[in-house]
N, C-alpha and C. Protein backbone atom coordinates (compact mmCIF):
# COMPACT_ATOMS: atom_id res chain seq x y z
N MET A 1 26.33 -13.83 -8.44
CA MET A 1 25.33 -14.07 -9.46
C MET A 1 24.22 -14.95 -8.88
N ASN A 2 23.00 -14.61 -9.23
CA ASN A 2 21.87 -15.44 -8.83
C ASN A 2 20.93 -15.59 -10.02
N TRP A 3 19.83 -16.27 -9.82
CA TRP A 3 18.92 -16.55 -10.92
C TRP A 3 18.31 -15.28 -11.49
N LYS A 4 18.16 -14.25 -10.67
CA LYS A 4 17.56 -13.01 -11.15
C LYS A 4 18.48 -12.27 -12.13
N ALA A 5 19.77 -12.42 -11.97
CA ALA A 5 20.73 -11.76 -12.86
C ALA A 5 20.98 -12.57 -14.13
N ASN A 6 20.55 -13.82 -14.17
CA ASN A 6 20.78 -14.68 -15.33
C ASN A 6 19.55 -14.85 -16.21
N LEU A 7 18.39 -14.40 -15.75
CA LEU A 7 17.14 -14.69 -16.44
C LEU A 7 16.49 -13.39 -16.93
N GLN A 8 16.22 -13.34 -18.24
CA GLN A 8 15.54 -12.19 -18.82
C GLN A 8 14.03 -12.43 -18.82
N ILE A 9 13.28 -11.34 -18.91
CA ILE A 9 11.81 -11.44 -18.92
C ILE A 9 11.35 -12.26 -20.13
N ARG A 10 11.99 -12.11 -21.28
CA ARG A 10 11.58 -12.84 -22.48
C ARG A 10 11.83 -14.33 -22.37
N ASP A 11 12.66 -14.77 -21.42
CA ASP A 11 12.93 -16.19 -21.22
C ASP A 11 11.82 -16.89 -20.45
N LEU A 12 11.00 -16.12 -19.77
CA LEU A 12 9.92 -16.68 -18.95
C LEU A 12 8.70 -16.99 -19.80
N ASP A 13 7.91 -17.95 -19.36
CA ASP A 13 6.63 -18.24 -19.97
C ASP A 13 5.74 -17.01 -19.79
N PRO A 14 4.97 -16.59 -20.80
CA PRO A 14 4.14 -15.38 -20.66
C PRO A 14 3.16 -15.42 -19.50
N GLU A 15 2.76 -16.60 -19.08
CA GLU A 15 1.81 -16.72 -17.97
C GLU A 15 2.49 -17.01 -16.63
N GLN A 16 3.82 -17.11 -16.61
CA GLN A 16 4.56 -17.31 -15.35
C GLN A 16 4.34 -16.10 -14.46
N ARG A 17 4.03 -16.32 -13.20
CA ARG A 17 3.77 -15.21 -12.29
C ARG A 17 4.98 -14.97 -11.41
N LEU A 18 5.28 -13.69 -11.21
CA LEU A 18 6.31 -13.27 -10.28
C LEU A 18 5.62 -12.58 -9.12
N GLU A 19 5.90 -13.03 -7.92
CA GLU A 19 5.29 -12.46 -6.72
C GLU A 19 6.13 -11.27 -6.26
N ALA A 20 5.52 -10.10 -6.18
CA ALA A 20 6.20 -8.89 -5.73
C ALA A 20 5.75 -8.58 -4.32
N THR A 21 6.65 -8.72 -3.34
CA THR A 21 6.36 -8.47 -1.93
C THR A 21 7.06 -7.19 -1.51
N CYS A 22 6.30 -6.26 -0.97
CA CYS A 22 6.86 -4.98 -0.55
C CYS A 22 7.76 -5.17 0.67
N LYS A 23 8.94 -4.55 0.63
CA LYS A 23 9.88 -4.64 1.74
C LYS A 23 9.48 -3.71 2.88
N VAL A 24 8.59 -2.76 2.62
CA VAL A 24 8.18 -1.79 3.63
C VAL A 24 6.90 -2.22 4.35
N CYS A 25 5.84 -2.47 3.57
CA CYS A 25 4.54 -2.74 4.19
C CYS A 25 4.09 -4.20 4.09
N GLY A 26 4.78 -5.01 3.27
CA GLY A 26 4.43 -6.42 3.15
C GLY A 26 3.33 -6.73 2.15
N HIS A 27 2.81 -5.72 1.45
CA HIS A 27 1.76 -5.93 0.45
C HIS A 27 2.29 -6.83 -0.67
N VAL A 28 1.45 -7.73 -1.17
CA VAL A 28 1.85 -8.66 -2.23
C VAL A 28 0.99 -8.42 -3.46
N HIS A 29 1.63 -8.31 -4.61
CA HIS A 29 0.91 -8.31 -5.88
C HIS A 29 1.72 -9.16 -6.86
N PHE A 30 1.10 -9.50 -7.97
CA PHE A 30 1.73 -10.40 -8.93
C PHE A 30 2.00 -9.67 -10.24
N VAL A 31 3.11 -10.02 -10.87
CA VAL A 31 3.53 -9.45 -12.15
C VAL A 31 3.77 -10.61 -13.11
N THR A 32 3.26 -10.49 -14.34
CA THR A 32 3.52 -11.50 -15.35
C THR A 32 4.38 -10.90 -16.46
N PRO A 33 5.16 -11.72 -17.15
CA PRO A 33 5.93 -11.21 -18.28
C PRO A 33 5.05 -10.56 -19.34
N ALA A 34 3.84 -11.06 -19.53
CA ALA A 34 2.93 -10.46 -20.50
C ALA A 34 2.62 -9.01 -20.14
N GLN A 35 2.45 -8.72 -18.84
CA GLN A 35 2.19 -7.34 -18.40
C GLN A 35 3.39 -6.45 -18.69
N VAL A 36 4.58 -6.97 -18.48
CA VAL A 36 5.80 -6.20 -18.71
C VAL A 36 5.97 -5.93 -20.20
N LEU A 37 5.71 -6.94 -21.04
CA LEU A 37 5.88 -6.79 -22.48
C LEU A 37 4.86 -5.84 -23.09
N ARG A 38 3.70 -5.65 -22.45
CA ARG A 38 2.71 -4.69 -22.93
C ARG A 38 3.21 -3.26 -22.82
N GLN A 39 4.18 -3.04 -21.95
CA GLN A 39 4.75 -1.70 -21.78
C GLN A 39 5.75 -1.38 -22.89
N GLY A 40 6.15 -2.36 -23.66
CA GLY A 40 7.08 -2.17 -24.77
C GLY A 40 7.87 -3.44 -25.01
N ALA A 41 8.07 -3.76 -26.29
CA ALA A 41 8.76 -5.01 -26.63
C ALA A 41 10.20 -5.04 -26.14
N GLU A 42 10.85 -3.88 -26.06
CA GLU A 42 12.25 -3.83 -25.60
C GLU A 42 12.38 -4.18 -24.13
N ARG A 43 11.29 -4.13 -23.37
CA ARG A 43 11.34 -4.47 -21.95
C ARG A 43 11.53 -5.97 -21.74
N GLY A 44 11.38 -6.76 -22.77
CA GLY A 44 11.63 -8.19 -22.68
C GLY A 44 13.10 -8.51 -22.45
N PHE A 45 13.97 -7.54 -22.75
CA PHE A 45 15.41 -7.74 -22.56
C PHE A 45 15.86 -7.41 -21.14
N LEU A 46 14.95 -6.94 -20.29
CA LEU A 46 15.28 -6.66 -18.89
C LEU A 46 15.57 -7.97 -18.16
N TYR A 47 16.54 -7.94 -17.29
CA TYR A 47 16.77 -9.07 -16.40
C TYR A 47 15.83 -8.93 -15.21
N VAL A 48 15.52 -10.03 -14.55
CA VAL A 48 14.57 -10.02 -13.44
C VAL A 48 15.05 -9.09 -12.32
N ASP A 49 16.36 -9.05 -12.05
CA ASP A 49 16.84 -8.15 -11.00
C ASP A 49 16.68 -6.69 -11.38
N GLU A 50 16.77 -6.35 -12.67
CA GLU A 50 16.51 -4.99 -13.12
C GLU A 50 15.05 -4.62 -12.96
N LEU A 51 14.17 -5.56 -13.28
CA LEU A 51 12.73 -5.33 -13.09
C LEU A 51 12.42 -5.16 -11.61
N GLU A 52 13.08 -5.93 -10.76
CA GLU A 52 12.86 -5.84 -9.31
C GLU A 52 13.24 -4.44 -8.79
N ARG A 53 14.34 -3.89 -9.30
CA ARG A 53 14.78 -2.56 -8.86
C ARG A 53 13.82 -1.45 -9.26
N GLU A 54 13.13 -1.61 -10.39
CA GLU A 54 12.26 -0.53 -10.84
C GLU A 54 10.78 -0.73 -10.49
N THR A 55 10.44 -1.88 -9.97
CA THR A 55 9.05 -2.14 -9.57
C THR A 55 8.81 -1.55 -8.18
N ILE A 56 7.65 -0.91 -8.01
CA ILE A 56 7.30 -0.31 -6.73
C ILE A 56 6.02 -0.95 -6.20
N CYS A 57 5.78 -0.76 -4.92
CA CYS A 57 4.59 -1.31 -4.25
C CYS A 57 3.34 -0.66 -4.81
N LYS A 58 2.29 -1.46 -4.98
CA LYS A 58 1.02 -0.96 -5.50
C LYS A 58 0.06 -0.53 -4.40
N ALA A 59 0.44 -0.71 -3.15
CA ALA A 59 -0.44 -0.32 -2.04
C ALA A 59 -0.56 1.20 -2.01
N ARG A 60 -1.71 1.67 -1.66
CA ARG A 60 -1.98 3.10 -1.67
C ARG A 60 -1.03 3.86 -0.75
N GLY A 61 -0.27 4.78 -1.33
CA GLY A 61 0.61 5.65 -0.56
C GLY A 61 1.93 5.05 -0.14
N CYS A 62 2.22 3.80 -0.47
CA CYS A 62 3.45 3.17 0.01
C CYS A 62 4.64 3.46 -0.90
N ARG A 63 4.59 2.98 -2.13
CA ARG A 63 5.65 3.15 -3.13
C ARG A 63 7.01 2.63 -2.67
N GLY A 64 7.01 1.57 -1.86
CA GLY A 64 8.25 0.96 -1.38
C GLY A 64 8.85 0.02 -2.41
N GLN A 65 10.11 -0.39 -2.17
CA GLN A 65 10.77 -1.36 -3.04
C GLN A 65 10.18 -2.74 -2.80
N VAL A 66 10.24 -3.59 -3.83
CA VAL A 66 9.68 -4.93 -3.72
C VAL A 66 10.77 -5.98 -3.93
N ARG A 67 10.45 -7.19 -3.49
CA ARG A 67 11.29 -8.36 -3.72
C ARG A 67 10.50 -9.29 -4.62
N LEU A 68 11.09 -9.70 -5.75
CA LEU A 68 10.41 -10.58 -6.68
C LEU A 68 10.78 -12.04 -6.41
N ALA A 69 9.79 -12.90 -6.45
CA ALA A 69 9.99 -14.34 -6.29
C ALA A 69 9.16 -15.05 -7.35
N MET A 70 9.71 -16.12 -7.91
CA MET A 70 8.99 -16.86 -8.93
C MET A 70 8.00 -17.80 -8.26
N VAL A 71 6.77 -17.77 -8.75
CA VAL A 71 5.72 -18.63 -8.22
C VAL A 71 5.72 -19.92 -9.02
N ARG A 72 5.84 -21.03 -8.32
CA ARG A 72 5.84 -22.33 -8.99
C ARG A 72 4.41 -22.70 -9.35
N SER A 73 4.17 -23.00 -10.62
CA SER A 73 2.81 -23.27 -11.08
C SER A 73 2.44 -24.75 -11.02
N GLY A 74 3.41 -25.63 -10.88
CA GLY A 74 3.11 -27.06 -10.85
C GLY A 74 2.89 -27.56 -9.44
N GLU A 75 2.53 -28.82 -9.34
CA GLU A 75 2.35 -29.42 -8.03
C GLU A 75 3.71 -29.79 -7.45
N THR A 76 3.80 -29.74 -6.15
CA THR A 76 5.02 -30.17 -5.51
C THR A 76 4.87 -31.63 -5.10
N SER A 77 5.98 -32.32 -5.08
CA SER A 77 5.94 -33.72 -4.66
C SER A 77 6.94 -33.92 -3.54
N GLY A 78 6.61 -34.78 -2.63
CA GLY A 78 7.49 -35.07 -1.52
C GLY A 78 8.67 -35.93 -1.95
N PHE A 79 9.70 -35.94 -1.13
CA PHE A 79 10.87 -36.78 -1.43
C PHE A 79 10.51 -38.24 -1.28
N VAL A 80 10.78 -39.01 -2.32
CA VAL A 80 10.53 -40.44 -2.28
C VAL A 80 11.88 -41.12 -2.43
N GLY A 81 12.27 -41.80 -1.41
CA GLY A 81 13.55 -42.48 -1.47
C GLY A 81 13.98 -42.87 -0.07
N GLY A 82 15.16 -43.34 0.05
CA GLY A 82 15.63 -43.74 1.36
C GLY A 82 17.03 -44.35 1.24
N LEU A 83 17.44 -44.88 2.33
CA LEU A 83 18.75 -45.52 2.36
C LEU A 83 18.66 -46.93 1.84
N ALA A 84 19.64 -47.38 1.10
CA ALA A 84 19.63 -48.74 0.55
C ALA A 84 20.15 -49.73 1.55
């Protein structure tokens, strides 16, 4: 089990971006839950791994499988701490 099998599209923020990277050509495009829900309300019940299996590359003529990764929208912070 991983996070993709535990998380449904409806659980994500509508503006959360998922990065789709093609396993064949390396092309990157972004998918949002709002785009998926526009295809039908029942698609909100898809798990992220199911969406990953049915998403294809958008590059012209490729149509390869993609790998979905969640894009972090906040700022990252470095580790602050140390040994006592």
